[in-house]
Amino acid sequence: MGKTGTASAPVPKRPNPAKFTTLPPPAEESEEWVISYMDMVTLLMVVFLGMVAILGMKGRLAAKPEDAGAVAALRDDPVQEDIPIARGEASADERPPAAGDGTSGGGAALTPGVQALLTQLEAAGKPADLDVILSDRKLTIAIKDRILFASGKADLAAPGRQLLANVARSLRTLTGVIAVEGHTDDVAIATARFPTNWELSSARASAVVRELIANGVEPGRLRAVGYADTKPLDVHDRAANRRVTIVVER
């Protein structure tokens, strides 16, 4: 007889216990944009304050009569450049003033030293090879080279030494820097001593400086410069271009 029995019911499987996942805390929001924003605001404030300071400074300058006058003088008195002027075409304030006259053609008052120079030259019979040009900024004494030097030479001739002695007497009474400028024509020179006109013009300017020093002009006031043929007075007159100019800054 076979075994009989009741089939047992299947045991239900227990569900796995629930698993909980812990999420990481939320990341903090970056504040780098705040730094960039503050930098921009600071920069704008600096620009604004700079503009206010500039406008305020302009207002204070305009409020001072003496400053306003100085600005007006600068505006109405532009810097003049040395422009070669052809003979016979000098402007009114660049023509040599007559001896004994108190002002030049441009209205510049003559200092006692300048007046003494003109008087001495007139008394000695001012040579035709010398011109005195007076402007508001400088006194220019232009001397043709033929009274100072022989052709192609840089050794002073006797008449030139005498003329420079008279000029030096008045230069001692003036103030300011004295520039001695040597000028030649456009004819090329090529000697052992003077390979070009640059050496010749510089040597002539130096010779005049040495003569002025020998006649009592203070060496520290003197400058010597050679321009060769770069500053002609008249491109059609070579004789007029060969010259030495003594320029006294006023």
C-alpha atoms as a PDB file:
ATOM      1  CA  MET A   1       0.000   0.000   0.000  1.00  0.00           C
ATOM      2  CA  GLY A   2       1.614   3.109  -0.987  1.00  0.00           C
ATOM      3  CA  LYS A   3       2.285   6.087   1.171  1.00  0.00           C
ATOM      4  CA  THR A   4      -0.443   8.606   1.143  1.00  0.00           C
ATOM      5  CA  GLY A   5      -0.217  12.129   2.487  1.00  0.00           C
ATOM      6  CA  THR A   6      -1.185  15.602   1.900  1.00  0.00           C
ATOM      7  CA  ALA A   7       1.199  17.691  -0.205  1.00  0.00           C
ATOM      8  CA  SER A   8       2.553  20.560   1.816  1.00  0.00           C
ATOM      9  CA  ALA A   9       1.980  24.081   0.475  1.00  0.00           C
ATOM     10  CA  PRO A  10       5.075  25.867  -0.794  1.00  0.00           C
ATOM     11  CA  VAL A  11       6.621  28.278   1.645  1.00  0.00           C
ATOM     12  CA  PRO A  12       6.551  31.810   0.199  1.00  0.00           C
ATOM     13  CA  LYS A  13       9.918  33.514  -0.174  1.00  0.00           C
ATOM     14  CA  ARG A  14      10.490  36.452   2.026  1.00  0.00           C
ATOM     15  CA  PRO A  15      11.214  39.629   0.085  1.00  0.00           C
ATOM     16  CA  ASN A  16      14.705  41.094   0.442  1.00  0.00           C
ATOM     17  CA  PRO A  17      14.854  43.925   2.896  1.00  0.00           C
ATOM     18  CA  ALA A  18      14.689  47.377   1.221  1.00  0.00           C
ATOM     19  CA  LYS A  19      18.014  49.018   0.471  1.00  0.00           C
ATOM     20  CA  PHE A  20      18.316  52.791   1.117  1.00  0.00           C
ATOM     21  CA  THR A  21      20.896  54.846  -0.818  1.00  0.00           C
ATOM     22  CA  THR A  22      22.217  57.944   0.876  1.00  0.00           C
ATOM     23  CA  LEU A  23      22.625  60.833  -1.605  1.00  0.00           C
ATOM     24  CA  PRO A  24      25.641  63.174  -1.225  1.00  0.00           C
ATOM     25  CA  PRO A  25      24.852  66.604   0.120  1.00  0.00           C
ATOM     26  CA  PRO A  26      24.196  69.201  -2.610  1.00  0.00           C
ATOM     27  CA  ALA A  27      27.295  71.096  -3.716  1.00  0.00           C
ATOM     28  CA  GLU A  28      27.527  74.695  -2.563  1.00  0.00           C
ATOM     29  CA  GLU A  29      26.878  77.274  -5.272  1.00  0.00           C
ATOM     30  CA  SER A  30      30.094  78.924  -6.549  1.00  0.00           C
ATOM     31  CA  GLU A  31      30.469  82.636  -5.781  1.00  0.00           C
ATOM     32  CA  GLU A  32      33.196  83.377  -8.352  1.00  0.00           C
ATOM     33  CA  TRP A  33      30.735  85.456 -10.379  1.00  0.00           C
ATOM     34  CA  VAL A  34      30.402  87.792  -7.384  1.00  0.00           C
ATOM     35  CA  ILE A  35      34.149  88.519  -7.462  1.00  0.00           C
ATOM     36  CA  SER A  36      34.073  89.332 -11.209  1.00  0.00           C
ATOM     37  CA  TYR A  37      31.045  91.563 -10.695  1.00  0.00           C
ATOM     38  CA  MET A  38      32.744  93.494  -7.866  1.00  0.00           C
ATOM     39  CA  ASP A  39      35.880  93.940  -9.972  1.00  0.00           C
ATOM     40  CA  MET A  40      33.806  95.463 -12.760  1.00  0.00           C
ATOM     41  CA  VAL A  41      31.999  97.793 -10.356  1.00  0.00           C
ATOM     42  CA  THR A  42      35.312  98.887  -8.830  1.00  0.00           C
ATOM     43  CA  LEU A  43      36.799  99.593 -12.263  1.00  0.00           C
ATOM     44  CA  LEU A  44      33.787 101.686 -13.275  1.00  0.00           C
ATOM     45  CA  MET A  45      34.034 103.646 -10.026  1.00  0.00           C
ATOM     46  CA  VAL A  46      37.735 104.364 -10.595  1.00  0.00           C
ATOM     47  CA  VAL A  47      37.047 105.611 -14.148  1.00  0.00           C
ATOM     48  CA  PHE A  48      34.196 107.794 -12.904  1.00  0.00           C
ATOM     49  CA  LEU A  49      36.297 109.322 -10.116  1.00  0.00           C
ATOM     50  CA  GLY A  50      39.135 109.960 -12.575  1.00  0.00           C
ATOM     51  CA  MET A  51      36.798 111.840 -14.928  1.00  0.00           C
ATOM     52  CA  VAL A  52      35.434 113.904 -12.033  1.00  0.00           C
ATOM     53  CA  ALA A  53      38.979 114.794 -10.933  1.00  0.00           C
ATOM     54  CA  ILE A  54      39.993 115.863 -14.453  1.00  0.00           C
ATOM     55  CA  LEU A  55      36.891 118.003 -14.908  1.00  0.00           C
ATOM     56  CA  GLY A  56      37.426 119.591 -11.511  1.00  0.00           C
ATOM     57  CA  MET A  57      41.055 120.405 -12.349  1.00  0.00           C
ATOM     58  CA  LYS A  58      40.034 122.070 -15.617  1.00  0.00           C
ATOM     59  CA  GLY A  59      37.487 124.145 -13.758  1.00  0.00           C
ATOM     60  CA  ARG A  60      40.076 125.336 -11.231  1.00  0.00           C
ATOM     61  CA  LEU A  61      42.530 126.263 -13.990  1.00  0.00           C
ATOM     62  CA  ALA A  62      39.907 128.284 -15.834  1.00  0.00           C
ATOM     63  CA  ALA A  63      38.951 130.022 -12.600  1.00  0.00           C
ATOM     64  CA  LYS A  64      42.463 131.459 -12.096  1.00  0.00           C
ATOM     65  CA  PRO A  65      43.047 134.593 -14.215  1.00  0.00           C
ATOM     66  CA  GLU A  66      46.789 134.096 -14.350  1.00  0.00           C
ATOM     67  CA  ASP A  67      46.425 130.497 -15.512  1.00  0.00           C
ATOM     68  CA  ALA A  68      43.804 131.433 -18.062  1.00  0.00           C
ATOM     69  CA  GLY A  69      46.139 134.099 -19.410  1.00  0.00           C
ATOM     70  CA  ALA A  70      48.976 131.595 -19.675  1.00  0.00           C
ATOM     71  CA  VAL A  71      46.799 129.160 -21.605  1.00  0.00           C
ATOM     72  CA  ALA A  72      45.701 131.933 -23.938  1.00  0.00           C
ATOM     73  CA  ALA A  73      49.307 132.985 -24.484  1.00  0.00           C
ATOM     74  CA  LEU A  74      50.316 129.445 -25.401  1.00  0.00           C
ATOM     75  CA  ARG A  75      47.401 129.183 -27.784  1.00  0.00           C
ATOM     76  CA  ASP A  76      48.116 132.505 -29.476  1.00  0.00           C
ATOM     77  CA  ASP A  77      51.910 132.085 -29.523  1.00  0.00           C
ATOM     78  CA  PRO A  78      52.773 128.890 -31.437  1.00  0.00           C
ATOM     79  CA  VAL A  79      56.334 127.609 -31.551  1.00  0.00           C
ATOM     80  CA  GLN A  80      58.238 129.100 -34.444  1.00  0.00           C
ATOM     81  CA  GLU A  81      60.513 126.930 -36.516  1.00  0.00           C
ATOM     82  CA  ASP A  82      63.692 128.134 -38.180  1.00  0.00           C
ATOM     83  CA  ILE A  83      62.622 128.557 -41.789  1.00  0.00           C
ATOM     84  CA  PRO A  84      65.181 129.681 -44.361  1.00  0.00           C
ATOM     85  CA  ILE A  85      64.169 133.081 -45.759  1.00  0.00           C
ATOM     86  CA  ALA A  86      65.328 134.208 -49.162  1.00  0.00           C
ATOM     87  CA  ARG A  87      67.180 137.490 -49.340  1.00  0.00           C
ATOM     88  CA  GLY A  88      64.875 140.450 -49.622  1.00  0.00           C
ATOM     89  CA  GLU A  89      61.893 138.429 -48.362  1.00  0.00           C
ATOM     90  CA  ALA A  90      62.376 138.755 -44.593  1.00  0.00           C
ATOM     91  CA  SER A  91      59.257 139.524 -42.617  1.00  0.00           C
ATOM     92  CA  ALA A  92      58.871 142.814 -40.778  1.00  0.00           C
ATOM     93  CA  ASP A  93      59.993 141.477 -37.419  1.00  0.00           C
ATOM     94  CA  GLU A  94      63.102 139.853 -38.923  1.00  0.00           C
ATOM     95  CA  ARG A  95      64.583 142.860 -40.687  1.00  0.00           C
ATOM     96  CA  PRO A  96      67.643 144.378 -38.990  1.00  0.00           C
ATOM     97  CA  PRO A  97      66.571 147.339 -36.816  1.00  0.00           C
ATOM     98  CA  ALA A  98      68.185 150.676 -37.412  1.00  0.00           C
ATOM     99  CA  ALA A  99      70.813 151.799 -34.912  1.00  0.00           C
ATOM    100  CA  GLY A 100      69.394 154.032 -32.198  1.00  0.00           C
ATOM    101  CA  ASP A 101      65.882 152.632 -32.610  1.00  0.00           C
ATOM    102  CA  GLY A 102      64.305 151.388 -29.391  1.00  0.00           C
ATOM    103  CA  THR A 103      62.421 148.485 -30.954  1.00  0.00           C
ATOM    104  CA  SER A 104      62.802 146.080 -33.820  1.00  0.00           C
ATOM    105  CA  GLY A 105      60.395 145.835 -36.719  1.00  0.00           C
ATOM    106  CA  GLY A 106      58.348 143.306 -34.746  1.00  0.00           C
ATOM    107  CA  GLY A 107      58.087 145.484 -31.637  1.00  0.00           C
ATOM    108  CA  ALA A 108      60.685 143.635 -29.526  1.00  0.00           C
ATOM    109  CA  ALA A 109      62.389 145.974 -27.083  1.00  0.00           C
ATOM    110  CA  LEU A 110      66.145 146.219 -27.444  1.00  0.00           C
ATOM    111  CA  THR A 111      68.129 145.339 -24.355  1.00  0.00           C
ATOM    112  CA  PRO A 112      71.105 147.567 -23.473  1.00  0.00           C
ATOM    113  CA  GLY A 113      73.477 144.871 -24.748  1.00  0.00           C
ATOM    114  CA  VAL A 114      71.763 144.636 -28.133  1.00  0.00           C
ATOM    115  CA  GLN A 115      71.591 148.407 -28.429  1.00  0.00           C
ATOM    116  CA  ALA A 116      75.303 148.629 -27.586  1.00  0.00           C
ATOM    117  CA  LEU A 117      76.093 146.043 -30.240  1.00  0.00           C
ATOM    118  CA  LEU A 118      74.206 147.956 -32.923  1.00  0.00           C
ATOM    119  CA  THR A 119      75.812 151.222 -31.861  1.00  0.00           C
ATOM    120  CA  GLN A 120      79.311 149.752 -31.960  1.00  0.00           C
ATOM    121  CA  LEU A 121      78.781 148.246 -35.392  1.00  0.00           C
ATOM    122  CA  GLU A 122      77.429 151.503 -36.773  1.00  0.00           C
ATOM    123  CA  ALA A 123      80.285 153.486 -35.243  1.00  0.00           C
ATOM    124  CA  ALA A 124      82.826 151.093 -36.759  1.00  0.00           C
ATOM    125  CA  GLY A 125      81.051 151.155 -40.094  1.00  0.00           C
ATOM    126  CA  LYS A 126      78.980 147.997 -40.086  1.00  0.00           C
ATOM    127  CA  PRO A 127      80.287 145.838 -42.925  1.00  0.00           C
ATOM    128  CA  ALA A 128      77.937 144.912 -45.728  1.00  0.00           C
ATOM    129  CA  ASP A 129      78.717 141.276 -45.024  1.00  0.00           C
ATOM    130  CA  LEU A 130      76.994 141.371 -41.618  1.00  0.00           C
ATOM    131  CA  ASP A 131      73.308 141.412 -40.742  1.00  0.00           C
ATOM    132  CA  VAL A 132      71.685 141.703 -37.311  1.00  0.00           C
ATOM    133  CA  ILE A 133      68.229 140.158 -37.077  1.00  0.00           C
ATOM    134  CA  LEU A 134      66.159 140.667 -33.925  1.00  0.00           C
ATOM    135  CA  SER A 135      63.007 138.751 -33.029  1.00  0.00           C
ATOM    136  CA  ASP A 136      61.044 138.179 -29.843  1.00  0.00           C
ATOM    137  CA  ARG A 137      62.961 135.000 -29.058  1.00  0.00           C
ATOM    138  CA  LYS A 138      66.482 135.451 -30.323  1.00  0.00           C
ATOM    139  CA  LEU A 139      69.122 137.750 -31.704  1.00  0.00           C
ATOM    140  CA  THR A 140      70.863 136.495 -34.845  1.00  0.00           C
ATOM    141  CA  ILE A 141      74.117 137.907 -36.186  1.00  0.00           C
ATOM    142  CA  ALA A 142      74.745 136.588 -39.698  1.00  0.00           C
ATOM    143  CA  ILE A 143      78.274 137.030 -41.046  1.00  0.00           C
ATOM    144  CA  LYS A 144      79.270 136.187 -44.615  1.00  0.00           C
ATOM    145  CA  ASP A 145      82.149 133.763 -44.715  1.00  0.00           C
ATOM    146  CA  ARG A 146      84.329 135.922 -47.010  1.00  0.00           C
ATOM    147  CA  ILE A 147      85.116 138.372 -44.196  1.00  0.00           C
ATOM    148  CA  LEU A 148      86.003 135.500 -41.857  1.00  0.00           C
ATOM    149  CA  PHE A 149      87.670 132.786 -43.942  1.00  0.00           C
ATOM    150  CA  ALA A 150      89.411 132.197 -47.212  1.00  0.00           C
ATOM    151  CA  SER A 151      87.737 129.810 -49.646  1.00  0.00           C
ATOM    152  CA  GLY A 152      87.828 126.227 -48.371  1.00  0.00           C
ATOM    153  CA  LYS A 153      89.643 127.248 -45.174  1.00  0.00           C
ATOM    154  CA  ALA A 154      88.709 127.383 -41.487  1.00  0.00           C
ATOM    155  CA  ASP A 155      91.435 129.788 -40.299  1.00  0.00           C
ATOM    156  CA  LEU A 156      90.123 133.217 -39.321  1.00  0.00           C
ATOM    157  CA  ALA A 157      91.323 136.165 -41.382  1.00  0.00           C
ATOM    158  CA  ALA A 158      92.467 139.407 -39.722  1.00  0.00           C
ATOM    159  CA  PRO A 159      89.280 141.387 -40.633  1.00  0.00           C
ATOM    160  CA  GLY A 160      87.188 138.554 -39.215  1.00  0.00           C
ATOM    161  CA  ARG A 161      89.096 138.569 -35.927  1.00  0.00           C
ATOM    162  CA  GLN A 162      88.562 142.294 -35.548  1.00  0.00           C
ATOM    163  CA  LEU A 163      84.858 141.968 -36.279  1.00  0.00           C
ATOM    164  CA  LEU A 164      84.439 139.134 -33.774  1.00  0.00           C
ATOM    165  CA  ALA A 165      86.275 141.151 -31.124  1.00  0.00           C
ATOM    166  CA  ASN A 166      83.646 143.887 -31.481  1.00  0.00           C
ATOM    167  CA  VAL A 167      80.817 141.355 -31.419  1.00  0.00           C
ATOM    168  CA  ALA A 168      82.238 139.592 -28.332  1.00  0.00           C
ATOM    169  CA  ARG A 169      82.319 142.875 -26.415  1.00  0.00           C
ATOM    170  CA  SER A 170      78.545 143.102 -26.634  1.00  0.00           C
ATOM    171  CA  LEU A 171      77.883 139.379 -26.250  1.00  0.00           C
ATOM    172  CA  ARG A 172      79.486 139.563 -22.820  1.00  0.00           C
ATOM    173  CA  THR A 173      76.705 141.885 -21.672  1.00  0.00           C
ATOM    174  CA  LEU A 174      73.892 139.660 -22.950  1.00  0.00           C
ATOM    175  CA  THR A 175      72.364 136.642 -21.251  1.00  0.00           C
ATOM    176  CA  GLY A 176      71.400 133.307 -22.736  1.00  0.00           C
ATOM    177  CA  VAL A 177      72.988 130.486 -24.681  1.00  0.00           C
ATOM    178  CA  ILE A 178      74.995 131.454 -27.759  1.00  0.00           C
ATOM    179  CA  ALA A 179      74.929 129.016 -30.684  1.00  0.00           C
ATOM    180  CA  VAL A 180      77.530 129.488 -33.420  1.00  0.00           C
ATOM    181  CA  GLU A 181      76.370 127.850 -36.656  1.00  0.00           C
ATOM    182  CA  GLY A 182      78.554 127.164 -39.676  1.00  0.00           C
ATOM    183  CA  HIS A 183      76.965 127.037 -43.154  1.00  0.00           C
ATOM    184  CA  THR A 184      78.430 126.264 -46.588  1.00  0.00           C
ATOM    185  CA  ASP A 185      77.143 126.251 -50.150  1.00  0.00           C
ATOM    186  CA  ASP A 186      76.318 123.079 -52.074  1.00  0.00           C
ATOM    187  CA  VAL A 187      79.685 122.846 -53.830  1.00  0.00           C
ATOM    188  CA  ALA A 188      81.328 119.642 -52.630  1.00  0.00           C
ATOM    189  CA  ILE A 189      84.739 119.770 -50.969  1.00  0.00           C
ATOM    190  CA  ALA A 190      87.143 116.843 -50.639  1.00  0.00           C
ATOM    191  CA  THR A 191      90.450 117.637 -48.973  1.00  0.00           C
ATOM    192  CA  ALA A 192      92.574 115.771 -46.457  1.00  0.00           C
ATOM    193  CA  ARG A 193      91.366 118.094 -43.670  1.00  0.00           C
ATOM    194  CA  PHE A 194      87.767 118.510 -44.854  1.00  0.00           C
ATOM    195  CA  PRO A 195      86.429 115.409 -46.624  1.00  0.00           C
ATOM    196  CA  THR A 196      82.956 116.996 -46.865  1.00  0.00           C
ATOM    197  CA  ASN A 197      81.203 120.272 -46.146  1.00  0.00           C
ATOM    198  CA  TRP A 198      80.148 118.887 -42.772  1.00  0.00           C
ATOM    199  CA  GLU A 199      83.720 119.001 -41.507  1.00  0.00           C
ATOM    200  CA  LEU A 200      84.309 122.432 -43.047  1.00  0.00           C
ATOM    201  CA  SER A 201      81.186 124.023 -41.514  1.00  0.00           C
ATOM    202  CA  SER A 202      81.881 122.470 -38.099  1.00  0.00           C
ATOM    203  CA  ALA A 203      85.520 123.619 -38.136  1.00  0.00           C
ATOM    204  CA  ARG A 204      84.496 127.192 -39.012  1.00  0.00           C
ATOM    205  CA  ALA A 205      81.918 127.281 -36.217  1.00  0.00           C
ATOM    206  CA  SER A 206      84.545 125.981 -33.775  1.00  0.00           C
ATOM    207  CA  ALA A 207      87.048 128.620 -34.927  1.00  0.00           C
ATOM    208  CA  VAL A 208      84.538 131.400 -34.221  1.00  0.00           C
ATOM    209  CA  VAL A 209      83.768 129.907 -30.786  1.00  0.00           C
ATOM    210  CA  ARG A 210      87.469 129.873 -29.897  1.00  0.00           C
ATOM    211  CA  GLU A 211      87.802 133.506 -30.967  1.00  0.00           C
ATOM    212  CA  LEU A 212      84.815 134.576 -28.878  1.00  0.00           C
ATOM    213  CA  ILE A 213      86.272 132.766 -25.854  1.00  0.00           C
ATOM    214  CA  ALA A 214      89.602 134.520 -26.429  1.00  0.00           C
ATOM    215  CA  ASN A 215      87.693 137.812 -26.286  1.00  0.00           C
ATOM    216  CA  GLY A 216      86.049 137.110 -22.943  1.00  0.00           C
ATOM    217  CA  VAL A 217      82.794 135.292 -23.750  1.00  0.00           C
ATOM    218  CA  GLU A 218      82.060 132.619 -21.151  1.00  0.00           C
ATOM    219  CA  PRO A 219      82.762 129.149 -22.654  1.00  0.00           C
ATOM    220  CA  GLY A 220      79.800 127.534 -20.897  1.00  0.00           C
ATOM    221  CA  ARG A 221      77.379 129.700 -22.880  1.00  0.00           C
ATOM    222  CA  LEU A 222      78.747 128.753 -26.287  1.00  0.00           C
ATOM    223  CA  ARG A 223      77.742 125.971 -28.664  1.00  0.00           C
ATOM    224  CA  ALA A 224      79.297 125.134 -32.055  1.00  0.00           C
ATOM    225  CA  VAL A 225      77.396 123.283 -34.765  1.00  0.00           C
ATOM    226  CA  GLY A 226      77.948 122.711 -38.477  1.00  0.00           C
ATOM    227  CA  TYR A 227      75.033 122.493 -40.896  1.00  0.00           C
ATOM    228  CA  ALA A 228      76.992 122.109 -44.149  1.00  0.00           C
ATOM    229  CA  ASP A 229      74.623 123.107 -46.998  1.00  0.00           C
ATOM    230  CA  THR A 230      71.390 121.882 -45.374  1.00  0.00           C
ATOM    231  CA  LYS A 231      70.030 125.359 -44.517  1.00  0.00           C
ATOM    232  CA  PRO A 232      70.481 127.609 -47.556  1.00  0.00           C
ATOM    233  CA  LEU A 233      69.189 131.162 -47.515  1.00  0.00           C
ATOM    234  CA  ASP A 234      68.852 131.331 -51.300  1.00  0.00           C
ATOM    235  CA  VAL A 235      69.234 128.334 -53.580  1.00  0.00           C
ATOM    236  CA  HIS A 236      70.218 130.712 -56.384  1.00  0.00           C
ATOM    237  CA  ASP A 237      72.911 132.599 -54.443  1.00  0.00           C
ATOM    238  CA  ARG A 238      75.744 130.419 -53.194  1.00  0.00           C
ATOM    239  CA  ALA A 239      77.646 133.374 -51.753  1.00  0.00           C
ATOM    240  CA  ALA A 240      74.725 134.197 -49.445  1.00  0.00           C
ATOM    241  CA  ASN A 241      74.616 130.613 -48.190  1.00  0.00           C
ATOM    242  CA  ARG A 242      78.276 130.622 -47.112  1.00  0.00           C
ATOM    243  CA  ARG A 243      77.991 132.196 -43.691  1.00  0.00           C
ATOM    244  CA  VAL A 244      78.416 131.878 -39.935  1.00  0.00           C
ATOM    245  CA  THR A 245      75.481 132.820 -37.724  1.00  0.00           C
ATOM    246  CA  ILE A 246      75.713 133.698 -34.034  1.00  0.00           C
ATOM    247  CA  VAL A 247      72.329 133.059 -32.409  1.00  0.00           C
ATOM    248  CA  VAL A 248      71.640 134.381 -28.901  1.00  0.00           C
ATOM    249  CA  GLU A 249      68.552 132.860 -27.280  1.00  0.00           C
ATOM    250  CA  ARG A 250      66.712 135.657 -25.489  1.00  0.00           C
END
